[in-house]
N, C-alpha and C. Protein backbone atom coordinates (compact mmCIF):
# COMPACT_ATOMS: atom_id res chain seq x y z
N MET A 1 15.64 31.77 133.31
CA MET A 1 16.66 30.80 133.62
C MET A 1 16.11 29.37 133.49
N LYS A 2 14.86 29.21 133.98
CA LYS A 2 14.24 27.88 133.91
C LYS A 2 14.06 27.44 132.46
N ARG A 3 13.69 28.37 131.60
CA ARG A 3 13.52 28.04 130.19
C ARG A 3 14.84 27.66 129.54
N LEU A 4 15.89 28.36 129.90
CA LEU A 4 17.21 28.06 129.34
C LEU A 4 17.65 26.66 129.74
N ILE A 5 17.44 26.31 130.99
CA ILE A 5 17.80 24.97 131.46
C ILE A 5 16.98 23.91 130.73
N THR A 6 15.68 24.18 130.56
CA THR A 6 14.82 23.25 129.85
C THR A 6 15.28 23.08 128.40
N LEU A 7 15.64 24.18 127.76
CA LEU A 7 16.11 24.11 126.39
C LEU A 7 17.40 23.31 126.28
N VAL A 8 18.34 23.57 127.19
CA VAL A 8 19.62 22.87 127.17
C VAL A 8 19.41 21.38 127.41
N LEU A 9 18.57 21.03 128.37
CA LEU A 9 18.31 19.62 128.64
C LEU A 9 17.61 18.94 127.46
N SER A 10 16.66 19.64 126.84
CA SER A 10 15.96 19.06 125.70
C SER A 10 16.90 18.82 124.53
N LEU A 11 17.73 19.80 124.24
CA LEU A 11 18.67 19.66 123.13
C LEU A 11 19.71 18.58 123.41
N THR A 12 20.14 18.48 124.67
CA THR A 12 21.09 17.43 125.04
C THR A 12 20.46 16.05 124.85
N LEU A 13 19.22 15.91 125.29
CA LEU A 13 18.51 14.64 125.11
C LEU A 13 18.37 14.30 123.64
N VAL A 14 18.01 15.27 122.84
CA VAL A 14 17.85 15.03 121.41
C VAL A 14 19.17 14.63 120.78
N MET A 15 20.25 15.30 121.17
CA MET A 15 21.56 14.96 120.60
C MET A 15 21.96 13.53 120.96
N PHE A 16 21.74 13.13 122.22
CA PHE A 16 22.07 11.76 122.61
C PHE A 16 21.22 10.74 121.85
N LEU A 17 19.93 11.04 121.71
CA LEU A 17 19.06 10.13 120.97
C LEU A 17 19.42 10.09 119.49
N ALA A 18 19.77 11.24 118.93
CA ALA A 18 20.14 11.29 117.51
C ALA A 18 21.42 10.53 117.24
N VAL A 19 22.37 10.60 118.16
CA VAL A 19 23.62 9.86 117.99
C VAL A 19 23.33 8.37 118.00
N GLY A 20 22.40 7.94 118.83
CA GLY A 20 22.03 6.53 118.87
C GLY A 20 21.34 6.09 117.59
N CYS A 21 20.60 6.99 116.94
CA CYS A 21 19.90 6.65 115.70
C CYS A 21 20.83 6.63 114.50
N LYS A 22 21.96 7.30 114.58
CA LYS A 22 22.86 7.39 113.44
C LYS A 22 23.67 6.12 113.24
N SER A 23 23.85 5.33 114.28
CA SER A 23 24.72 4.17 114.14
C SER A 23 24.10 3.16 113.20
N SER A 24 24.93 2.59 112.38
CA SER A 24 24.46 1.54 111.49
C SER A 24 25.41 0.38 111.59
N THR A 25 24.84 -0.79 111.49
CA THR A 25 25.66 -1.98 111.58
C THR A 25 25.53 -2.75 110.30
N SER A 26 26.56 -3.43 109.96
CA SER A 26 26.49 -4.33 108.82
C SER A 26 27.12 -5.64 109.24
N SER A 27 26.58 -6.69 108.72
CA SER A 27 27.12 -8.00 109.04
C SER A 27 27.45 -8.71 107.74
N THR A 28 28.09 -9.81 107.87
CA THR A 28 28.47 -10.56 106.68
C THR A 28 27.57 -11.78 106.57
N ALA A 29 27.09 -12.00 105.38
CA ALA A 29 26.26 -13.16 105.13
C ALA A 29 27.16 -14.39 105.05
N ALA A 30 26.56 -15.55 104.94
CA ALA A 30 27.34 -16.79 104.94
C ALA A 30 28.31 -16.85 103.76
N GLY A 31 27.98 -16.24 102.65
CA GLY A 31 28.84 -16.28 101.48
C GLY A 31 29.98 -15.28 101.55
N GLY A 32 30.07 -14.49 102.60
CA GLY A 32 31.15 -13.52 102.73
C GLY A 32 30.78 -12.14 102.20
N ALA A 33 29.63 -12.01 101.56
CA ALA A 33 29.20 -10.70 101.05
C ALA A 33 28.47 -9.96 102.15
N PRO A 34 28.63 -8.66 102.20
CA PRO A 34 27.95 -7.91 103.26
C PRO A 34 26.45 -7.96 103.09
N ALA A 35 25.78 -8.17 104.21
CA ALA A 35 24.32 -8.19 104.20
C ALA A 35 23.81 -6.77 104.38
N VAL A 36 22.64 -6.50 103.81
CA VAL A 36 22.04 -5.17 103.94
C VAL A 36 21.25 -5.14 105.23
N SER A 37 21.56 -4.19 106.10
CA SER A 37 20.84 -4.09 107.36
C SER A 37 19.64 -3.18 107.18
N SER A 38 18.69 -3.26 108.12
CA SER A 38 17.50 -2.43 108.00
C SER A 38 17.78 -0.98 108.33
N SER A 39 18.85 -0.68 109.08
CA SER A 39 19.13 0.70 109.41
C SER A 39 19.81 1.43 108.28
N SER A 40 20.51 0.72 107.43
CA SER A 40 21.07 1.36 106.24
C SER A 40 20.41 0.71 105.05
N VAL A 41 19.40 1.36 104.51
CA VAL A 41 18.57 0.78 103.48
C VAL A 41 19.41 0.33 102.30
N SER A 42 20.26 1.22 101.81
CA SER A 42 21.19 0.84 100.77
C SER A 42 22.32 1.85 100.76
N ALA A 43 23.50 1.36 100.54
CA ALA A 43 24.66 2.24 100.58
C ALA A 43 24.81 3.01 99.28
N ALA A 44 24.40 2.44 98.18
CA ALA A 44 24.53 3.09 96.88
C ALA A 44 23.33 2.75 96.04
N PRO A 45 23.03 3.58 95.04
CA PRO A 45 21.88 3.27 94.18
C PRO A 45 22.00 1.92 93.50
N SER A 46 23.21 1.51 93.13
CA SER A 46 23.37 0.21 92.47
C SER A 46 23.07 -0.93 93.42
N ALA A 47 23.38 -0.73 94.72
CA ALA A 47 23.08 -1.78 95.70
C ALA A 47 21.58 -1.94 95.86
N ALA A 48 20.82 -0.82 95.79
CA ALA A 48 19.37 -0.90 95.91
C ALA A 48 18.77 -1.62 94.72
N ALA A 49 19.31 -1.40 93.53
CA ALA A 49 18.76 -2.02 92.35
C ALA A 49 18.98 -3.53 92.36
N THR A 50 20.11 -4.00 92.85
CA THR A 50 20.38 -5.43 92.88
C THR A 50 19.70 -6.11 94.06
N ALA A 51 19.33 -5.38 95.09
CA ALA A 51 18.73 -5.97 96.28
C ALA A 51 17.21 -6.07 96.18
N CYS A 52 16.61 -5.56 95.12
CA CYS A 52 15.16 -5.60 94.98
C CYS A 52 14.69 -7.02 94.70
N PRO A 53 13.61 -7.44 95.36
CA PRO A 53 13.11 -8.80 95.16
C PRO A 53 12.33 -8.90 93.85
N SER A 54 12.10 -10.12 93.41
CA SER A 54 11.32 -10.33 92.20
C SER A 54 9.83 -10.44 92.51
N GLN A 55 9.49 -10.80 93.75
CA GLN A 55 8.10 -10.90 94.16
C GLN A 55 7.92 -10.17 95.48
N ALA A 56 6.75 -9.58 95.66
CA ALA A 56 6.43 -8.89 96.92
C ALA A 56 6.23 -9.91 98.02
N SER A 57 6.57 -9.51 99.23
CA SER A 57 6.40 -10.42 100.35
C SER A 57 5.84 -9.70 101.56
N GLY A 58 4.99 -10.37 102.28
CA GLY A 58 4.51 -9.93 103.57
C GLY A 58 3.84 -8.57 103.64
N PHE A 59 2.86 -8.29 102.79
CA PHE A 59 2.12 -7.03 102.83
C PHE A 59 3.06 -5.83 102.74
N ALA A 60 4.02 -5.87 101.86
CA ALA A 60 5.04 -4.83 101.75
C ALA A 60 4.43 -3.46 101.47
N LYS A 61 3.50 -3.39 100.54
CA LYS A 61 2.92 -2.09 100.19
C LYS A 61 2.09 -1.54 101.35
N THR A 62 1.36 -2.40 102.03
CA THR A 62 0.55 -1.97 103.16
C THR A 62 1.42 -1.44 104.30
N LYS A 63 2.49 -2.16 104.60
CA LYS A 63 3.41 -1.71 105.65
C LYS A 63 4.08 -0.40 105.27
N PHE A 64 4.47 -0.29 104.00
CA PHE A 64 5.08 0.95 103.53
C PHE A 64 4.13 2.13 103.72
N VAL A 65 2.89 1.97 103.28
CA VAL A 65 1.92 3.07 103.38
C VAL A 65 1.65 3.42 104.84
N ALA A 66 1.53 2.43 105.71
CA ALA A 66 1.24 2.70 107.12
C ALA A 66 2.38 3.47 107.78
N HIS A 67 3.61 3.04 107.59
CA HIS A 67 4.74 3.72 108.22
C HIS A 67 4.99 5.10 107.61
N ALA A 68 4.84 5.21 106.31
CA ALA A 68 5.03 6.52 105.67
C ALA A 68 3.94 7.49 106.11
N ALA A 69 2.71 7.02 106.24
CA ALA A 69 1.62 7.89 106.69
C ALA A 69 1.86 8.41 108.10
N LEU A 70 2.34 7.55 108.98
CA LEU A 70 2.66 8.00 110.34
C LEU A 70 3.79 9.01 110.35
N GLY A 71 4.85 8.73 109.62
CA GLY A 71 6.00 9.62 109.59
C GLY A 71 5.69 10.96 108.97
N PHE A 72 5.04 10.96 107.81
CA PHE A 72 4.72 12.21 107.13
C PHE A 72 3.68 13.01 107.91
N GLY A 73 2.73 12.31 108.52
CA GLY A 73 1.73 13.01 109.35
C GLY A 73 2.36 13.68 110.55
N ALA A 74 3.30 13.00 111.19
CA ALA A 74 4.00 13.59 112.34
C ALA A 74 4.83 14.79 111.90
N PHE A 75 5.44 14.71 110.72
CA PHE A 75 6.20 15.85 110.22
C PHE A 75 5.29 17.06 110.06
N HIS A 76 4.14 16.86 109.43
CA HIS A 76 3.26 17.99 109.19
C HIS A 76 2.66 18.52 110.48
N ARG A 77 2.34 17.66 111.42
CA ARG A 77 1.71 18.12 112.66
C ARG A 77 2.69 18.82 113.59
N TYR A 78 3.86 18.24 113.80
CA TYR A 78 4.76 18.74 114.83
C TYR A 78 5.89 19.63 114.30
N ILE A 79 6.12 19.64 113.00
CA ILE A 79 7.21 20.45 112.48
C ILE A 79 6.70 21.48 111.47
N TYR A 80 6.00 21.04 110.43
CA TYR A 80 5.64 21.95 109.34
C TYR A 80 4.56 22.96 109.75
N LYS A 81 3.50 22.51 110.43
CA LYS A 81 2.45 23.44 110.85
C LYS A 81 2.97 24.48 111.86
N PRO A 82 3.75 24.09 112.88
CA PRO A 82 4.30 25.13 113.77
C PRO A 82 5.25 26.08 113.04
N TYR A 83 5.98 25.55 112.06
CA TYR A 83 6.86 26.40 111.27
C TYR A 83 6.06 27.45 110.51
N ARG A 84 4.98 27.03 109.86
CA ARG A 84 4.14 27.96 109.11
C ARG A 84 3.42 28.94 110.01
N ALA A 85 3.13 28.52 111.24
CA ALA A 85 2.46 29.40 112.19
C ALA A 85 3.43 30.37 112.86
N GLY A 86 4.73 30.16 112.66
CA GLY A 86 5.72 31.06 113.24
C GLY A 86 6.10 30.73 114.67
N THR A 87 5.80 29.53 115.12
CA THR A 87 6.07 29.13 116.49
C THR A 87 7.56 28.99 116.78
N PHE A 88 8.38 28.76 115.76
CA PHE A 88 9.81 28.59 115.97
C PHE A 88 10.56 29.93 116.01
N ARG A 89 9.88 31.04 115.74
CA ARG A 89 10.54 32.34 115.75
C ARG A 89 10.89 32.76 117.17
N SER A 90 11.92 33.56 117.26
CA SER A 90 12.37 34.07 118.56
C SER A 90 11.26 34.89 119.21
N GLY A 91 10.97 34.57 120.47
CA GLY A 91 9.95 35.29 121.23
C GLY A 91 8.54 34.77 121.04
N ALA A 92 8.33 33.77 120.22
CA ALA A 92 6.99 33.23 119.98
C ALA A 92 6.51 32.47 121.20
N HIS A 93 5.22 32.54 121.43
CA HIS A 93 4.61 31.82 122.54
C HIS A 93 4.69 30.31 122.29
N GLY A 94 5.20 29.56 123.25
CA GLY A 94 5.31 28.11 123.14
C GLY A 94 6.48 27.63 122.30
N ARG A 95 7.47 28.47 122.12
CA ARG A 95 8.60 28.15 121.26
C ARG A 95 9.40 26.94 121.78
N LEU A 96 9.70 26.93 123.07
CA LEU A 96 10.50 25.83 123.62
C LEU A 96 9.76 24.50 123.53
N ILE A 97 8.49 24.52 123.82
CA ILE A 97 7.70 23.29 123.72
C ILE A 97 7.66 22.83 122.27
N ALA A 98 7.51 23.77 121.34
CA ALA A 98 7.47 23.41 119.92
C ALA A 98 8.79 22.79 119.49
N PHE A 99 9.92 23.34 119.98
CA PHE A 99 11.22 22.77 119.65
C PHE A 99 11.36 21.36 120.22
N ALA A 100 10.91 21.17 121.45
CA ALA A 100 11.00 19.84 122.06
C ALA A 100 10.15 18.83 121.29
N LYS A 101 8.93 19.23 120.93
CA LYS A 101 8.05 18.34 120.17
C LYS A 101 8.65 18.06 118.79
N ALA A 102 9.22 19.08 118.17
CA ALA A 102 9.82 18.90 116.85
C ALA A 102 11.00 17.94 116.92
N ALA A 103 11.79 18.04 117.98
CA ALA A 103 12.94 17.14 118.13
C ALA A 103 12.48 15.70 118.30
N LEU A 104 11.49 15.49 119.15
CA LEU A 104 10.95 14.14 119.33
C LEU A 104 10.31 13.63 118.04
N ALA A 105 9.59 14.52 117.37
CA ALA A 105 8.95 14.13 116.11
C ALA A 105 9.99 13.75 115.06
N ALA A 106 11.11 14.47 115.03
CA ALA A 106 12.16 14.15 114.05
C ALA A 106 12.70 12.75 114.27
N LEU A 107 12.89 12.37 115.52
CA LEU A 107 13.34 11.00 115.81
C LEU A 107 12.29 9.97 115.38
N PHE A 108 11.04 10.27 115.69
CA PHE A 108 9.94 9.38 115.31
C PHE A 108 9.85 9.27 113.79
N ILE A 109 9.99 10.39 113.10
CA ILE A 109 9.90 10.41 111.64
C ILE A 109 11.02 9.58 111.04
N LYS A 110 12.23 9.76 111.53
CA LYS A 110 13.36 8.98 111.01
C LYS A 110 13.11 7.49 111.19
N ARG A 111 12.55 7.11 112.34
CA ARG A 111 12.24 5.70 112.59
C ARG A 111 11.19 5.20 111.61
N GLU A 112 10.12 5.96 111.42
CA GLU A 112 9.05 5.54 110.52
C GLU A 112 9.53 5.50 109.07
N ILE A 113 10.39 6.42 108.67
CA ILE A 113 10.94 6.41 107.32
C ILE A 113 11.82 5.17 107.13
N ARG A 114 12.61 4.84 108.17
CA ARG A 114 13.45 3.64 108.09
C ARG A 114 12.58 2.39 107.95
N LEU A 115 11.49 2.31 108.72
CA LEU A 115 10.59 1.16 108.64
C LEU A 115 9.85 1.10 107.31
N SER A 116 9.45 2.26 106.79
CA SER A 116 8.77 2.26 105.50
C SER A 116 9.74 1.89 104.37
N ALA A 117 11.00 2.30 104.50
CA ALA A 117 12.00 1.91 103.50
C ALA A 117 12.25 0.40 103.55
N ALA A 118 12.27 -0.16 104.75
CA ALA A 118 12.45 -1.60 104.88
C ALA A 118 11.27 -2.35 104.26
N ALA A 119 10.06 -1.83 104.43
CA ALA A 119 8.89 -2.45 103.82
C ALA A 119 8.93 -2.29 102.30
N ALA A 120 9.36 -1.12 101.83
CA ALA A 120 9.45 -0.89 100.39
C ALA A 120 10.48 -1.81 99.75
N GLN A 121 11.50 -2.18 100.51
CA GLN A 121 12.54 -3.07 99.99
C GLN A 121 11.98 -4.46 99.69
N ASN A 122 10.83 -4.81 100.26
CA ASN A 122 10.21 -6.12 100.03
C ASN A 122 9.23 -6.11 98.86
N SER A 123 9.08 -4.97 98.20
CA SER A 123 8.19 -4.88 97.04
C SER A 123 9.01 -4.50 95.82
N PRO A 124 8.90 -5.25 94.72
CA PRO A 124 9.72 -4.94 93.55
C PRO A 124 9.48 -3.54 92.99
N ALA A 125 8.23 -3.13 92.89
CA ALA A 125 7.92 -1.82 92.31
C ALA A 125 8.38 -0.69 93.23
N LEU A 126 8.06 -0.79 94.51
CA LEU A 126 8.44 0.26 95.46
C LEU A 126 9.96 0.33 95.62
N CYS A 127 10.60 -0.79 95.62
CA CYS A 127 12.04 -0.84 95.83
C CYS A 127 12.79 -0.03 94.78
N LYS A 128 12.37 -0.16 93.55
CA LYS A 128 13.09 0.50 92.46
C LYS A 128 12.82 2.00 92.40
N ILE A 129 11.66 2.44 92.84
CA ILE A 129 11.25 3.82 92.65
C ILE A 129 11.34 4.67 93.93
N ILE A 130 10.94 4.15 95.06
CA ILE A 130 10.69 4.99 96.24
C ILE A 130 11.85 5.05 97.22
N LEU A 131 12.82 4.16 97.15
CA LEU A 131 13.90 4.17 98.14
C LEU A 131 14.74 5.45 98.09
N THR A 132 15.01 5.96 96.92
CA THR A 132 15.81 7.19 96.81
C THR A 132 15.08 8.38 97.41
N PRO A 133 13.77 8.61 97.10
CA PRO A 133 13.08 9.72 97.77
C PRO A 133 12.99 9.55 99.29
N LEU A 134 12.85 8.32 99.77
CA LEU A 134 12.82 8.11 101.22
C LEU A 134 14.17 8.43 101.85
N ARG A 135 15.23 8.06 101.18
CA ARG A 135 16.57 8.39 101.67
C ARG A 135 16.76 9.91 101.71
N THR A 136 16.24 10.60 100.70
CA THR A 136 16.32 12.06 100.66
C THR A 136 15.54 12.68 101.82
N VAL A 137 14.36 12.14 102.12
CA VAL A 137 13.57 12.64 103.25
C VAL A 137 14.35 12.48 104.54
N SER A 138 14.93 11.31 104.74
CA SER A 138 15.69 11.05 105.96
C SER A 138 16.88 12.00 106.09
N GLU A 139 17.60 12.20 104.99
CA GLU A 139 18.77 13.09 105.04
C GLU A 139 18.37 14.54 105.27
N THR A 140 17.28 14.98 104.64
CA THR A 140 16.87 16.38 104.83
C THR A 140 16.32 16.62 106.22
N ILE A 141 15.69 15.60 106.81
CA ILE A 141 15.23 15.74 108.19
C ILE A 141 16.42 15.90 109.12
N GLN A 142 17.45 15.11 108.91
CA GLN A 142 18.66 15.22 109.74
C GLN A 142 19.28 16.60 109.58
N ALA A 143 19.35 17.11 108.36
CA ALA A 143 19.91 18.44 108.12
C ALA A 143 19.04 19.52 108.75
N ALA A 144 17.72 19.36 108.68
CA ALA A 144 16.82 20.35 109.27
C ALA A 144 16.94 20.37 110.78
N VAL A 145 17.10 19.20 111.40
CA VAL A 145 17.27 19.14 112.86
C VAL A 145 18.57 19.83 113.26
N THR A 146 19.62 19.60 112.50
CA THR A 146 20.89 20.26 112.78
C THR A 146 20.74 21.78 112.68
N LYS A 147 20.02 22.24 111.65
CA LYS A 147 19.79 23.68 111.50
C LYS A 147 18.90 24.22 112.61
N LEU A 148 17.88 23.44 113.00
CA LEU A 148 16.98 23.89 114.06
C LEU A 148 17.71 24.04 115.39
N GLU A 149 18.68 23.18 115.64
CA GLU A 149 19.46 23.30 116.88
C GLU A 149 20.19 24.63 116.94
N GLY A 150 20.54 25.18 115.78
CA GLY A 150 21.19 26.48 115.72
C GLY A 150 20.21 27.63 115.59
N GLY A 151 18.91 27.33 115.56
CA GLY A 151 17.90 28.37 115.46
C GLY A 151 17.50 28.72 114.04
N ASP A 152 17.99 27.98 113.05
CA ASP A 152 17.69 28.25 111.65
C ASP A 152 16.57 27.31 111.20
N VAL A 153 15.46 27.87 110.72
CA VAL A 153 14.31 27.05 110.33
C VAL A 153 14.23 26.85 108.82
N SER A 154 15.26 27.22 108.09
CA SER A 154 15.21 27.15 106.63
C SER A 154 15.18 25.72 106.09
N GLY A 155 15.61 24.75 106.86
CA GLY A 155 15.63 23.36 106.38
C GLY A 155 14.27 22.71 106.32
N ILE A 156 13.28 23.30 106.96
CA ILE A 156 11.95 22.68 107.02
C ILE A 156 11.30 22.68 105.64
N SER A 157 11.51 23.71 104.86
CA SER A 157 10.94 23.76 103.50
C SER A 157 11.53 22.66 102.62
N ALA A 158 12.82 22.38 102.80
CA ALA A 158 13.45 21.30 102.04
C ALA A 158 12.85 19.95 102.40
N VAL A 159 12.53 19.75 103.68
CA VAL A 159 11.90 18.50 104.10
C VAL A 159 10.51 18.38 103.48
N GLN A 160 9.77 19.48 103.48
CA GLN A 160 8.44 19.48 102.87
C GLN A 160 8.52 19.09 101.39
N ASN A 161 9.49 19.62 100.68
CA ASN A 161 9.67 19.27 99.27
C ASN A 161 10.01 17.80 99.09
N ALA A 162 10.88 17.27 99.96
CA ALA A 162 11.25 15.85 99.87
C ALA A 162 10.07 14.95 100.19
N VAL A 163 9.26 15.33 101.18
CA VAL A 163 8.07 14.55 101.54
C VAL A 163 7.08 14.55 100.38
N SER A 164 6.87 15.71 99.77
CA SER A 164 5.95 15.79 98.62
C SER A 164 6.42 14.92 97.46
N GLN A 165 7.72 14.91 97.22
CA GLN A 165 8.28 14.08 96.15
C GLN A 165 8.06 12.59 96.45
N ALA A 166 8.29 12.19 97.69
CA ALA A 166 8.08 10.78 98.07
C ALA A 166 6.61 10.41 97.97
N GLU A 167 5.72 11.30 98.40
CA GLU A 167 4.29 11.01 98.32
C GLU A 167 3.83 10.88 96.87
N SER A 168 4.31 11.75 95.99
CA SER A 168 3.89 11.66 94.59
C SER A 168 4.46 10.40 93.93
N GLY A 169 5.68 10.02 94.28
CA GLY A 169 6.26 8.79 93.75
C GLY A 169 5.48 7.57 94.19
N ALA A 170 5.05 7.56 95.44
CA ALA A 170 4.27 6.43 95.95
C ALA A 170 2.89 6.39 95.31
N SER A 171 2.29 7.55 95.10
CA SER A 171 0.96 7.60 94.47
C SER A 171 1.02 7.07 93.05
N GLY A 172 2.12 7.34 92.36
CA GLY A 172 2.28 6.84 91.00
C GLY A 172 2.36 5.32 90.93
N LEU A 173 2.71 4.70 92.05
CA LEU A 173 2.81 3.24 92.10
C LEU A 173 1.57 2.59 92.70
N GLY A 174 0.54 3.38 92.95
CA GLY A 174 -0.68 2.85 93.53
C GLY A 174 -0.62 2.69 95.03
N ALA A 175 0.33 3.35 95.67
CA ALA A 175 0.46 3.28 97.13
C ALA A 175 0.27 4.68 97.70
N GLY A 176 -0.89 5.27 97.43
CA GLY A 176 -1.18 6.61 97.91
C GLY A 176 -1.10 6.70 99.42
N ILE A 177 -0.46 7.74 99.91
CA ILE A 177 -0.24 7.89 101.35
C ILE A 177 -1.22 8.93 101.89
N THR A 178 -2.08 8.52 102.80
CA THR A 178 -2.96 9.42 103.51
C THR A 178 -2.32 9.65 104.87
N GLU A 179 -1.85 10.87 105.09
CA GLU A 179 -1.09 11.16 106.29
C GLU A 179 -1.94 11.00 107.55
N ASN A 180 -1.35 10.40 108.55
CA ASN A 180 -1.99 10.26 109.85
C ASN A 180 -1.43 11.35 110.75
N GLN A 181 -2.17 12.45 110.90
CA GLN A 181 -1.67 13.56 111.69
C GLN A 181 -1.94 13.39 113.17
N ASN A 182 -2.49 12.27 113.56
CA ASN A 182 -2.67 11.95 114.97
C ASN A 182 -1.67 10.89 115.40
N ALA A 183 -0.52 10.89 114.76
CA ALA A 183 0.51 9.88 115.04
C ALA A 183 1.05 10.06 116.45
N PRO A 184 1.06 8.99 117.24
CA PRO A 184 1.67 9.08 118.57
C PRO A 184 3.18 9.10 118.43
N LEU A 185 3.83 9.86 119.27
CA LEU A 185 5.30 9.98 119.18
C LEU A 185 5.98 8.94 120.04
N SER A 186 5.46 7.74 120.09
CA SER A 186 6.11 6.70 120.90
C SER A 186 6.38 5.47 120.07
């Protein structure tokens, strides 16, 4: 009974936090055109192509690599490795704790992906190539969390594929990502 209550409370907390992360705001710039907010990297591929800068600003590649390394490392440590070890299976030892950690990690990962996408938006090379794979990672993480809430772990493989695609795209641009698997979830 205690485990059931813990599971229900954990999932409720995750749902409330996830709802808060889904909201996006847009404002209007002085010219009347909508401004691109950091929570919604780009609404359409054409918007991303026109919003790319001509010169890099403010250590964009370094910030991108740092945030992506934290996010991808947290994915592998708290979601992918327990998945491969079978911790999410019914009756596995530490299953509830693994689900709680995975839920917190998913929120952390979405935040780090959003921050890395914002940093990539300040680099001309990264902006054109890496924003779409980052958007795919974010969307597949959301889908995997939704599936995990129902007990289905099949979405984790899709996230792994999206992360690998983003990492290879970044490496091709000279922004190789070395995952930080000691990422704090705060």
